[in-house]
Amino acid sequence: MITWFDALLVTLWAAVTALGARRGLSGLAWGLGGVAACFLANSLSGNALIALIISVLLGVGAGIAITQRIQNPLDQPWHLGVGALGGFAFGGVLIATLALNFPLDLRVDAKGSRGVYPSESLPPALYTAVRGSALQNGLRGVWASNSALKTLVIPDQTR
């Protein structure tokens, strides 16, 4: 079932993809640099504030390097396509992070303890939207994936 939460995530993904396309060749560097900055910030730090500072510094440094190195980002028509690809990649990381980073509930029963996502302590409208989200349900495989993907999307679950 598609919920308002899915519509919000798809709109964000489309906007970031369009921003990458609008930037052309520098959009590819911006998108892939953003994914790399998120991965590095999450893997180097166990603290959210430190990860935020690291990612901002990496983002500013990458932005300055991109504007100095890529002089004409829209010279060729194919630059729009590769820019959209960079925005698509960065948008995918953003929506996966937003879909999978709500609080967990810990449930203990005869089978042992297990995490239940999302937490039932969320406000009812948000809980219903996230629980019924098609995107969030499609991304559940990330919980059992390799550690690099978990570091990128759900860094608090890799520790």
N, C-alpha and C. Protein backbone atom coordinates (compact mmCIF):
# COMPACT_ATOMS: atom_id res chain seq x y z
N MET A 1 0.84 -1.17 0.00
CA MET A 1 0.00 0.00 0.00
C MET A 1 0.90 1.25 0.00
N ILE A 2 0.54 2.22 -0.79
CA ILE A 2 1.29 3.46 -0.86
C ILE A 2 0.65 4.46 0.10
N THR A 3 1.48 5.05 0.95
CA THR A 3 0.98 6.00 1.95
C THR A 3 1.49 7.40 1.62
N TRP A 4 1.08 8.36 2.43
CA TRP A 4 1.56 9.73 2.24
C TRP A 4 3.07 9.79 2.50
N PHE A 5 3.58 8.90 3.32
CA PHE A 5 5.02 8.85 3.58
C PHE A 5 5.78 8.45 2.32
N ASP A 6 5.24 7.48 1.57
CA ASP A 6 5.84 7.10 0.28
C ASP A 6 5.84 8.27 -0.69
N ALA A 7 4.73 8.98 -0.76
CA ALA A 7 4.63 10.13 -1.67
C ALA A 7 5.67 11.19 -1.30
N LEU A 8 5.87 11.41 -0.03
CA LEU A 8 6.88 12.37 0.42
C LEU A 8 8.29 11.92 0.03
N LEU A 9 8.58 10.64 0.23
CA LEU A 9 9.90 10.10 -0.12
C LEU A 9 10.16 10.16 -1.63
N VAL A 10 9.17 9.78 -2.43
CA VAL A 10 9.33 9.81 -3.88
C VAL A 10 9.51 11.24 -4.38
N THR A 11 8.78 12.18 -3.78
CA THR A 11 8.93 13.59 -4.15
C THR A 11 10.34 14.09 -3.84
N LEU A 12 10.87 13.71 -2.68
CA LEU A 12 12.23 14.09 -2.31
C LEU A 12 13.23 13.47 -3.28
N TRP A 13 13.05 12.21 -3.62
CA TRP A 13 13.95 11.53 -4.54
C TRP A 13 13.93 12.19 -5.91
N ALA A 14 12.75 12.55 -6.39
CA ALA A 14 12.63 13.22 -7.69
C ALA A 14 13.28 14.59 -7.67
N ALA A 15 13.12 15.32 -6.57
CA ALA A 15 13.71 16.66 -6.46
C ALA A 15 15.24 16.59 -6.46
N VAL A 16 15.80 15.63 -5.74
CA VAL A 16 17.26 15.49 -5.69
C VAL A 16 17.79 15.03 -7.05
N THR A 17 17.06 14.15 -7.73
CA THR A 17 17.45 13.72 -9.07
C THR A 17 17.42 14.89 -10.04
N ALA A 18 16.38 15.70 -9.97
CA ALA A 18 16.28 16.88 -10.84
C ALA A 18 17.39 17.89 -10.53
N LEU A 19 17.73 18.05 -9.27
CA LEU A 19 18.82 18.95 -8.90
C LEU A 19 20.13 18.47 -9.49
N GLY A 20 20.37 17.16 -9.45
CA GLY A 20 21.58 16.60 -10.06
C GLY A 20 21.60 16.82 -11.55
N ALA A 21 20.45 16.63 -12.22
CA ALA A 21 20.38 16.85 -13.66
C ALA A 21 20.62 18.31 -14.01
N ARG A 22 20.08 19.18 -13.20
CA ARG A 22 20.25 20.63 -13.45
C ARG A 22 21.71 21.06 -13.33
N ARG A 23 22.46 20.38 -12.50
CA ARG A 23 23.88 20.69 -12.31
C ARG A 23 24.77 20.04 -13.36
N GLY A 24 24.23 19.09 -14.10
CA GLY A 24 25.01 18.46 -15.16
C GLY A 24 26.13 17.60 -14.62
N LEU A 25 27.30 17.74 -15.21
CA LEU A 25 28.45 16.93 -14.84
C LEU A 25 28.83 17.15 -13.38
N SER A 26 28.68 18.35 -12.89
CA SER A 26 28.98 18.58 -11.48
C SER A 26 27.92 17.93 -10.58
N GLY A 27 26.73 17.66 -11.12
CA GLY A 27 25.70 16.93 -10.37
C GLY A 27 26.11 15.50 -10.10
N LEU A 28 26.82 14.89 -11.05
CA LEU A 28 27.34 13.54 -10.83
C LEU A 28 28.36 13.55 -9.70
N ALA A 29 29.29 14.50 -9.77
CA ALA A 29 30.30 14.61 -8.71
C ALA A 29 29.65 14.95 -7.37
N TRP A 30 28.65 15.82 -7.39
CA TRP A 30 27.95 16.21 -6.17
C TRP A 30 27.22 15.00 -5.57
N GLY A 31 26.51 14.24 -6.39
CA GLY A 31 25.75 13.10 -5.90
C GLY A 31 26.63 11.99 -5.36
N LEU A 32 27.62 11.59 -6.13
CA LEU A 32 28.51 10.53 -5.67
C LEU A 32 29.39 11.00 -4.52
N GLY A 33 29.78 12.28 -4.54
CA GLY A 33 30.53 12.84 -3.41
C GLY A 33 29.69 12.88 -2.14
N GLY A 34 28.41 13.17 -2.29
CA GLY A 34 27.51 13.16 -1.14
C GLY A 34 27.36 11.79 -0.54
N VAL A 35 27.25 10.77 -1.38
CA VAL A 35 27.17 9.39 -0.90
C VAL A 35 28.47 9.02 -0.18
N ALA A 36 29.61 9.37 -0.78
CA ALA A 36 30.90 9.06 -0.15
C ALA A 36 31.07 9.81 1.17
N ALA A 37 30.65 11.08 1.22
CA ALA A 37 30.76 11.85 2.46
C ALA A 37 29.90 11.25 3.56
N CYS A 38 28.70 10.80 3.22
CA CYS A 38 27.83 10.16 4.21
C CYS A 38 28.46 8.87 4.73
N PHE A 39 29.01 8.07 3.82
CA PHE A 39 29.63 6.81 4.22
C PHE A 39 30.83 7.07 5.13
N LEU A 40 31.69 8.02 4.74
CA LEU A 40 32.87 8.31 5.55
C LEU A 40 32.49 8.87 6.92
N ALA A 41 31.53 9.77 6.94
CA ALA A 41 31.12 10.36 8.22
C ALA A 41 30.52 9.29 9.14
N ASN A 42 29.74 8.38 8.58
CA ASN A 42 29.14 7.33 9.39
C ASN A 42 30.14 6.29 9.86
N SER A 43 31.14 6.00 9.04
CA SER A 43 32.11 4.98 9.42
C SER A 43 33.20 5.51 10.35
N LEU A 44 33.49 6.80 10.27
CA LEU A 44 34.55 7.37 11.11
C LEU A 44 34.08 7.79 12.49
N SER A 45 32.79 7.93 12.67
CA SER A 45 32.30 8.48 13.91
C SER A 45 31.16 7.65 14.49
N GLY A 46 31.16 7.53 15.81
CA GLY A 46 30.06 6.89 16.50
C GLY A 46 29.10 7.90 17.08
N ASN A 47 29.44 9.17 16.96
CA ASN A 47 28.64 10.25 17.54
C ASN A 47 27.95 11.01 16.40
N ALA A 48 26.66 11.28 16.55
CA ALA A 48 25.90 11.95 15.49
C ALA A 48 26.41 13.36 15.23
N LEU A 49 26.77 14.09 16.27
CA LEU A 49 27.25 15.46 16.10
C LEU A 49 28.58 15.48 15.36
N ILE A 50 29.47 14.58 15.71
CA ILE A 50 30.77 14.51 15.03
C ILE A 50 30.57 14.10 13.56
N ALA A 51 29.66 13.16 13.32
CA ALA A 51 29.38 12.74 11.94
C ALA A 51 28.81 13.90 11.14
N LEU A 52 27.97 14.71 11.75
CA LEU A 52 27.42 15.89 11.07
C LEU A 52 28.53 16.88 10.72
N ILE A 53 29.43 17.14 11.65
CA ILE A 53 30.53 18.06 11.40
C ILE A 53 31.44 17.53 10.29
N ILE A 54 31.76 16.23 10.35
CA ILE A 54 32.61 15.63 9.32
C ILE A 54 31.94 15.72 7.95
N SER A 55 30.65 15.41 7.89
CA SER A 55 29.97 15.44 6.59
C SER A 55 29.84 16.85 6.04
N VAL A 56 29.63 17.85 6.91
CA VAL A 56 29.57 19.23 6.44
C VAL A 56 30.93 19.67 5.90
N LEU A 57 31.99 19.35 6.62
CA LEU A 57 33.33 19.71 6.14
C LEU A 57 33.66 19.01 4.82
N LEU A 58 33.34 17.72 4.73
CA LEU A 58 33.57 17.01 3.47
C LEU A 58 32.72 17.58 2.34
N GLY A 59 31.49 17.94 2.64
CA GLY A 59 30.59 18.51 1.63
C GLY A 59 31.07 19.85 1.12
N VAL A 60 31.51 20.71 2.04
CA VAL A 60 32.02 22.03 1.63
C VAL A 60 33.30 21.86 0.81
N GLY A 61 34.18 20.97 1.26
CA GLY A 61 35.42 20.73 0.52
C GLY A 61 35.15 20.18 -0.87
N ALA A 62 34.21 19.24 -0.96
CA ALA A 62 33.87 18.67 -2.27
C ALA A 62 33.21 19.72 -3.15
N GLY A 63 32.36 20.55 -2.58
CA GLY A 63 31.71 21.61 -3.36
C GLY A 63 32.71 22.58 -3.95
N ILE A 64 33.67 22.98 -3.15
CA ILE A 64 34.71 23.90 -3.64
C ILE A 64 35.54 23.23 -4.72
N ALA A 65 35.91 21.98 -4.51
CA ALA A 65 36.71 21.26 -5.51
C ALA A 65 35.94 21.07 -6.81
N ILE A 66 34.66 20.78 -6.71
CA ILE A 66 33.84 20.57 -7.91
C ILE A 66 33.73 21.86 -8.72
N THR A 67 33.47 22.99 -8.06
CA THR A 67 33.31 24.24 -8.80
C THR A 67 34.62 24.69 -9.42
N GLN A 68 35.76 24.35 -8.82
CA GLN A 68 37.04 24.74 -9.39
C GLN A 68 37.48 23.80 -10.51
N ARG A 69 37.15 22.52 -10.43
CA ARG A 69 37.61 21.55 -11.41
C ARG A 69 36.71 21.45 -12.64
N ILE A 70 35.41 21.56 -12.46
CA ILE A 70 34.47 21.41 -13.57
C ILE A 70 34.00 22.79 -13.98
N GLN A 71 34.59 23.31 -15.03
CA GLN A 71 34.31 24.68 -15.46
C GLN A 71 33.00 24.80 -16.22
N ASN A 72 32.71 23.88 -17.11
CA ASN A 72 31.51 23.93 -17.94
C ASN A 72 30.70 22.65 -17.75
N PRO A 73 29.88 22.58 -16.69
CA PRO A 73 29.20 21.32 -16.39
C PRO A 73 28.08 20.96 -17.36
N LEU A 74 27.65 21.87 -18.21
CA LEU A 74 26.54 21.59 -19.13
C LEU A 74 26.95 21.73 -20.60
N ASP A 75 28.20 21.41 -20.92
CA ASP A 75 28.69 21.53 -22.30
C ASP A 75 27.99 20.56 -23.24
N GLN A 76 27.83 19.33 -22.85
CA GLN A 76 27.27 18.28 -23.70
C GLN A 76 25.89 17.86 -23.19
N PRO A 77 25.02 17.42 -24.09
CA PRO A 77 23.69 16.97 -23.66
C PRO A 77 23.73 15.79 -22.69
N TRP A 78 24.72 14.91 -22.81
CA TRP A 78 24.80 13.76 -21.92
C TRP A 78 25.16 14.15 -20.50
N HIS A 79 25.64 15.36 -20.29
CA HIS A 79 25.96 15.83 -18.94
C HIS A 79 24.71 15.88 -18.06
N LEU A 80 23.56 16.18 -18.68
CA LEU A 80 22.31 16.18 -17.91
C LEU A 80 21.99 14.79 -17.39
N GLY A 81 22.21 13.78 -18.22
CA GLY A 81 21.92 12.39 -17.82
C GLY A 81 22.82 11.91 -16.69
N VAL A 82 24.11 12.19 -16.79
CA VAL A 82 25.00 11.74 -15.72
C VAL A 82 24.78 12.55 -14.45
N GLY A 83 24.37 13.81 -14.59
CA GLY A 83 24.02 14.60 -13.41
C GLY A 83 22.79 14.03 -12.72
N ALA A 84 21.81 13.60 -13.52
CA ALA A 84 20.62 12.96 -12.95
C ALA A 84 20.99 11.66 -12.26
N LEU A 85 21.95 10.92 -12.81
CA LEU A 85 22.40 9.69 -12.18
C LEU A 85 23.01 9.95 -10.80
N GLY A 86 23.82 11.00 -10.70
CA GLY A 86 24.39 11.37 -9.40
C GLY A 86 23.32 11.78 -8.41
N GLY A 87 22.36 12.57 -8.86
CA GLY A 87 21.26 12.96 -7.99
C GLY A 87 20.39 11.78 -7.59
N PHE A 88 20.19 10.85 -8.52
CA PHE A 88 19.41 9.65 -8.24
C PHE A 88 20.08 8.81 -7.15
N ALA A 89 21.40 8.67 -7.24
CA ALA A 89 22.14 7.89 -6.23
C ALA A 89 22.06 8.55 -4.86
N PHE A 90 22.28 9.85 -4.82
CA PHE A 90 22.24 10.57 -3.55
C PHE A 90 20.83 10.59 -2.99
N GLY A 91 19.85 10.78 -3.84
CA GLY A 91 18.46 10.75 -3.40
C GLY A 91 18.05 9.39 -2.87
N GLY A 92 18.55 8.34 -3.49
CA GLY A 92 18.26 6.99 -3.01
C GLY A 92 18.79 6.75 -1.61
N VAL A 93 19.99 7.25 -1.35
CA VAL A 93 20.56 7.12 0.00
C VAL A 93 19.73 7.94 0.99
N LEU A 94 19.32 9.13 0.58
CA LEU A 94 18.52 9.97 1.48
C LEU A 94 17.19 9.33 1.82
N ILE A 95 16.47 8.82 0.83
CA ILE A 95 15.16 8.25 1.14
C ILE A 95 15.28 6.94 1.90
N ALA A 96 16.32 6.14 1.62
CA ALA A 96 16.53 4.91 2.39
C ALA A 96 16.83 5.23 3.85
N THR A 97 17.61 6.26 4.06
CA THR A 97 17.92 6.68 5.42
C THR A 97 16.67 7.17 6.14
N LEU A 98 15.87 7.97 5.46
CA LEU A 98 14.64 8.46 6.08
C LEU A 98 13.65 7.34 6.35
N ALA A 99 13.58 6.35 5.47
CA ALA A 99 12.62 5.27 5.64
C ALA A 99 13.00 4.29 6.73
N LEU A 100 14.30 4.14 7.00
CA LEU A 100 14.74 3.09 7.91
C LEU A 100 15.27 3.58 9.25
N ASN A 101 15.18 4.86 9.54
CA ASN A 101 15.79 5.35 10.77
C ASN A 101 14.81 5.86 11.81
N PHE A 102 13.64 5.27 11.85
CA PHE A 102 12.72 5.56 12.95
C PHE A 102 13.11 4.66 14.13
N PRO A 103 12.63 4.95 15.32
CA PRO A 103 13.01 4.12 16.47
C PRO A 103 12.49 2.69 16.36
N LEU A 104 13.22 1.78 16.99
CA LEU A 104 12.84 0.37 17.08
C LEU A 104 12.22 0.10 18.44
N ASP A 105 11.37 -0.91 18.50
CA ASP A 105 10.91 -1.46 19.77
C ASP A 105 11.60 -2.80 19.96
N LEU A 106 11.97 -3.10 21.18
CA LEU A 106 12.55 -4.40 21.49
C LEU A 106 11.45 -5.27 22.08
N ARG A 107 11.19 -6.40 21.44
CA ARG A 107 10.15 -7.31 21.89
C ARG A 107 10.79 -8.62 22.32
N VAL A 108 10.44 -9.07 23.50
CA VAL A 108 10.97 -10.32 24.03
C VAL A 108 9.81 -11.31 24.15
N ASP A 109 10.00 -12.48 23.54
CA ASP A 109 8.98 -13.52 23.63
C ASP A 109 9.68 -14.88 23.71
N ALA A 110 8.96 -15.94 23.45
CA ALA A 110 9.52 -17.29 23.54
C ALA A 110 10.66 -17.52 22.54
N LYS A 111 10.65 -16.80 21.44
CA LYS A 111 11.70 -16.95 20.43
C LYS A 111 12.95 -16.15 20.77
N GLY A 112 12.90 -15.34 21.81
CA GLY A 112 14.02 -14.50 22.19
C GLY A 112 13.70 -13.04 21.98
N SER A 113 14.71 -12.22 22.02
CA SER A 113 14.47 -10.79 21.81
C SER A 113 14.66 -10.45 20.34
N ARG A 114 13.82 -9.55 19.86
CA ARG A 114 13.91 -9.11 18.46
C ARG A 114 13.45 -7.67 18.37
N GLY A 115 13.96 -7.00 17.37
CA GLY A 115 13.56 -5.63 17.12
C GLY A 115 12.32 -5.57 16.26
N VAL A 116 11.43 -4.67 16.57
CA VAL A 116 10.21 -4.47 15.80
C VAL A 116 10.27 -3.05 15.25
N TYR A 117 10.12 -2.94 13.93
CA TYR A 117 10.23 -1.64 13.28
C TYR A 117 8.94 -1.32 12.56
N PRO A 118 8.45 -0.12 12.67
CA PRO A 118 8.84 0.99 13.53
C PRO A 118 8.25 0.83 14.94
N SER A 119 8.71 1.64 15.83
CA SER A 119 8.25 1.59 17.21
C SER A 119 6.78 1.98 17.29
N GLU A 120 6.05 1.27 18.11
CA GLU A 120 4.63 1.58 18.30
C GLU A 120 4.43 2.85 19.12
N SER A 121 5.51 3.41 19.65
CA SER A 121 5.40 4.65 20.42
C SER A 121 5.36 5.89 19.53
N LEU A 122 5.49 5.72 18.21
CA LEU A 122 5.35 6.85 17.29
C LEU A 122 3.91 7.35 17.31
N PRO A 123 3.69 8.62 16.96
CA PRO A 123 2.30 9.09 16.84
C PRO A 123 1.52 8.20 15.86
N PRO A 124 0.24 7.97 16.13
CA PRO A 124 -0.53 7.01 15.32
C PRO A 124 -0.51 7.27 13.82
N ALA A 125 -0.62 8.51 13.40
CA ALA A 125 -0.64 8.80 11.96
C ALA A 125 0.72 8.46 11.32
N LEU A 126 1.80 8.78 12.02
CA LEU A 126 3.13 8.49 11.50
C LEU A 126 3.40 6.98 11.53
N TYR A 127 3.01 6.33 12.60
CA TYR A 127 3.20 4.87 12.71
C TYR A 127 2.48 4.14 11.57
N THR A 128 1.25 4.52 11.32
CA THR A 128 0.47 3.88 10.26
C THR A 128 1.10 4.12 8.89
N ALA A 129 1.56 5.34 8.65
CA ALA A 129 2.16 5.66 7.35
C ALA A 129 3.47 4.92 7.14
N VAL A 130 4.31 4.86 8.18
CA VAL A 130 5.60 4.20 8.04
C VAL A 130 5.41 2.69 7.98
N ARG A 131 4.55 2.15 8.80
CA ARG A 131 4.32 0.70 8.84
C ARG A 131 3.75 0.20 7.51
N GLY A 132 2.89 0.99 6.86
CA GLY A 132 2.29 0.58 5.60
C GLY A 132 3.04 1.05 4.38
N SER A 133 4.19 1.67 4.55
CA SER A 133 4.95 2.22 3.44
C SER A 133 5.51 1.13 2.53
N ALA A 134 5.23 1.24 1.25
CA ALA A 134 5.75 0.28 0.27
C ALA A 134 7.27 0.42 0.14
N LEU A 135 7.78 1.64 0.15
CA LEU A 135 9.23 1.85 0.05
C LEU A 135 9.95 1.29 1.27
N GLN A 136 9.42 1.57 2.44
CA GLN A 136 10.05 1.08 3.66
C GLN A 136 10.03 -0.44 3.70
N ASN A 137 8.94 -1.05 3.30
CA ASN A 137 8.87 -2.51 3.27
C ASN A 137 9.82 -3.09 2.23
N GLY A 138 10.00 -2.39 1.12
CA GLY A 138 10.94 -2.84 0.11
C GLY A 138 12.39 -2.72 0.53
N LEU A 139 12.67 -1.81 1.45
CA LEU A 139 14.04 -1.59 1.92
C LEU A 139 14.40 -2.43 3.15
N ARG A 140 13.51 -3.26 3.61
CA ARG A 140 13.78 -4.06 4.82
C ARG A 140 14.96 -5.00 4.65
N GLY A 141 15.31 -5.34 3.45
CA GLY A 141 16.46 -6.21 3.21
C GLY A 141 17.78 -5.59 3.65
N VAL A 142 17.80 -4.28 3.81
CA VAL A 142 19.01 -3.60 4.26
C VAL A 142 19.39 -4.06 5.66
N TRP A 143 18.40 -4.39 6.50
CA TRP A 143 18.69 -4.83 7.87
C TRP A 143 19.57 -6.07 7.89
N ALA A 144 19.45 -6.93 6.88
CA ALA A 144 20.23 -8.17 6.84
C ALA A 144 21.34 -8.11 5.79
N SER A 145 21.63 -6.94 5.25
CA SER A 145 22.63 -6.82 4.18
C SER A 145 24.04 -6.71 4.76
N ASN A 146 24.98 -6.42 3.87
CA ASN A 146 26.37 -6.31 4.30
C ASN A 146 26.59 -5.06 5.14
N SER A 147 27.70 -5.04 5.83
CA SER A 147 27.95 -3.95 6.79
C SER A 147 28.20 -2.61 6.11
N ALA A 148 28.71 -2.59 4.89
CA ALA A 148 28.95 -1.32 4.20
C ALA A 148 27.63 -0.60 3.91
N LEU A 149 26.64 -1.33 3.44
CA LEU A 149 25.34 -0.73 3.16
C LEU A 149 24.66 -0.29 4.46
N LYS A 150 24.79 -1.09 5.51
CA LYS A 150 24.22 -0.70 6.79
C LYS A 150 24.93 0.52 7.36
N THR A 151 26.24 0.63 7.17
CA THR A 151 26.98 1.81 7.62
C THR A 151 26.50 3.05 6.90
N LEU A 152 26.17 2.93 5.63
CA LEU A 152 25.71 4.05 4.84
C LEU A 152 24.30 4.48 5.23
N VAL A 153 23.39 3.52 5.40
CA VAL A 153 21.97 3.84 5.56
C VAL A 153 21.50 3.82 7.01
N ILE A 154 21.93 2.82 7.77
CA ILE A 154 21.51 2.71 9.18
C ILE A 154 22.74 2.53 10.07
N PRO A 155 23.54 3.58 10.22
CA PRO A 155 24.83 3.44 10.92
C PRO A 155 24.70 3.03 12.38
N ASP A 156 23.63 3.39 13.04
CA ASP A 156 23.51 3.03 14.45
C ASP A 156 23.26 1.54 14.64
N GLN A 157 22.87 0.82 13.62
CA GLN A 157 22.62 -0.62 13.73
C GLN A 157 23.86 -1.45 13.45
N THR A 158 24.95 -0.83 12.99
CA THR A 158 26.18 -1.57 12.72
C THR A 158 27.08 -1.61 13.93
N ARG A 159 26.78 -0.83 14.94
CA ARG A 159 27.63 -0.78 16.14
C ARG A 159 27.14 -1.72 17.19
